[in-house]
C-alpha atoms as a PDB file:
ATOM      1  CA  MET A   1      24.841  -6.317 -27.335  1.00  0.00           C
ATOM      2  CA  LEU A   2      21.278  -6.936 -28.050  1.00  0.00           C
ATOM      3  CA  ASP A   3      19.690  -5.074 -31.207  1.00  0.00           C
ATOM      4  CA  SER A   4      17.863  -1.846 -29.529  1.00  0.00           C
ATOM      5  CA  ARG A   5      14.941  -2.598 -31.569  1.00  0.00           C
ATOM      6  CA  LEU A   6      14.624  -6.237 -30.006  1.00  0.00           C
ATOM      7  CA  LEU A   7      14.755  -4.808 -26.276  1.00  0.00           C
ATOM      8  CA  GLU A   8      11.960  -2.797 -27.402  1.00  0.00           C
ATOM      9  CA  ILE A   9       9.322  -5.350 -28.053  1.00  0.00           C
ATOM     10  CA  LEU A  10      10.930  -7.953 -25.848  1.00  0.00           C
ATOM     11  CA  VAL A  11       8.516  -8.204 -22.362  1.00  0.00           C
ATOM     12  CA  CYS A  12       8.572 -11.111 -19.750  1.00  0.00           C
ATOM     13  CA  PRO A  13       7.113 -14.079 -21.113  1.00  0.00           C
ATOM     14  CA  LYS A  14       5.370 -14.969 -17.519  1.00  0.00           C
ATOM     15  CA  CYS A  15       3.632 -11.299 -16.932  1.00  0.00           C
ATOM     16  CA  LYS A  16       3.978  -9.469 -19.947  1.00  0.00           C
ATOM     17  CA  GLY A  17       6.223  -6.571 -17.802  1.00  0.00           C
ATOM     18  CA  GLU A  18       8.897  -4.513 -19.418  1.00  0.00           C
ATOM     19  CA  LEU A  19      12.522  -6.571 -18.871  1.00  0.00           C
ATOM     20  CA  GLU A  20      15.838  -4.292 -18.383  1.00  0.00           C
ATOM     21  CA  TYR A  21      19.020  -5.422 -19.806  1.00  0.00           C
ATOM     22  CA  GLN A  22      22.002  -5.770 -17.744  1.00  0.00           C
ATOM     23  CA  PRO A  23      25.122  -6.170 -20.369  1.00  0.00           C
ATOM     24  CA  ASP A  24      28.182  -8.567 -19.137  1.00  0.00           C
ATOM     25  CA  PRO A  25      31.063  -6.201 -18.813  1.00  0.00           C
ATOM     26  CA  GLN A  26      33.304  -8.991 -19.944  1.00  0.00           C
ATOM     27  CA  ASP A  27      31.507 -10.091 -23.048  1.00  0.00           C
ATOM     28  CA  ASP A  28      29.323  -7.631 -25.042  1.00  0.00           C
ATOM     29  CA  THR A  29      27.407 -10.866 -26.484  1.00  0.00           C
ATOM     30  CA  ARG A  30      26.257 -12.268 -23.072  1.00  0.00           C
ATOM     31  CA  GLY A  31      24.030 -10.648 -20.684  1.00  0.00           C
ATOM     32  CA  LYS A  32      20.557 -10.997 -18.785  1.00  0.00           C
ATOM     33  CA  LEU A  33      17.154  -9.540 -18.695  1.00  0.00           C
ATOM     34  CA  ILE A  34      15.407  -8.540 -15.728  1.00  0.00           C
ATOM     35  CA  CYS A  35      11.747  -8.975 -14.922  1.00  0.00           C
ATOM     36  CA  GLN A  36      11.627  -6.677 -11.829  1.00  0.00           C
ATOM     37  CA  GLN A  37       7.692  -7.932 -11.267  1.00  0.00           C
ATOM     38  CA  CYS A  38       8.423 -11.904 -11.141  1.00  0.00           C
ATOM     39  CA  LYS A  39      11.337 -11.682  -9.598  1.00  0.00           C
ATOM     40  CA  LEU A  40      13.165 -13.629 -12.640  1.00  0.00           C
ATOM     41  CA  VAL A  41      16.412 -13.492 -14.714  1.00  0.00           C
ATOM     42  CA  TYR A  42      16.784 -14.283 -18.692  1.00  0.00           C
ATOM     43  CA  LEU A  43      20.026 -15.300 -19.510  1.00  0.00           C
ATOM     44  CA  VAL A  44      21.231 -13.694 -22.889  1.00  0.00           C
ATOM     45  CA  GLU A  45      24.193 -16.033 -24.674  1.00  0.00           C
ATOM     46  CA  ASP A  46      25.746 -15.096 -27.919  1.00  0.00           C
ATOM     47  CA  ASP A  47      23.000 -11.980 -28.305  1.00  0.00           C
ATOM     48  CA  ILE A  48      20.391 -14.719 -28.029  1.00  0.00           C
ATOM     49  CA  PRO A  49      17.987 -14.440 -25.238  1.00  0.00           C
ATOM     50  CA  ASN A  50      16.699 -17.549 -23.330  1.00  0.00           C
ATOM     51  CA  MET A  51      13.045 -16.918 -23.071  1.00  0.00           C
ATOM     52  CA  ILE A  52      11.856 -19.944 -21.423  1.00  0.00           C
ATOM     53  CA  ILE A  53       9.830 -19.724 -17.976  1.00  0.00           C
ATOM     54  CA  GLU A  54      11.380 -22.644 -16.980  1.00  0.00           C
ATOM     55  CA  GLU A  55      15.143 -22.094 -17.613  1.00  0.00           C
ATOM     56  CA  ALA A  56      14.921 -18.349 -15.935  1.00  0.00           C
ATOM     57  CA  GLN A  57      16.823 -17.925 -12.801  1.00  0.00           C
ATOM     58  CA  PRO A  58      15.405 -16.248  -9.518  1.00  0.00           C
ATOM     59  CA  LEU A  59      16.584 -12.415  -9.127  1.00  0.00           C
ATOM     60  CA  GLU A  60      19.083 -11.995  -6.183  1.00  0.00           C
ATOM     61  CA  GLU A  61      18.078  -8.824  -4.850  1.00  0.00           C
END
């Protein structure tokens, strides 16, 4: 699970908007950060968010 202090300061690298964290129910060191404005998903693996815009996945509605 990502540290709550880190979640407070992380923003979308593309639009600087808020991110919503969704933990993986199977593994608490994995999850995803979702930007609703850009419709992008940034993966979190081993509690490390990958904030590279080119590696983000499109948000599936």
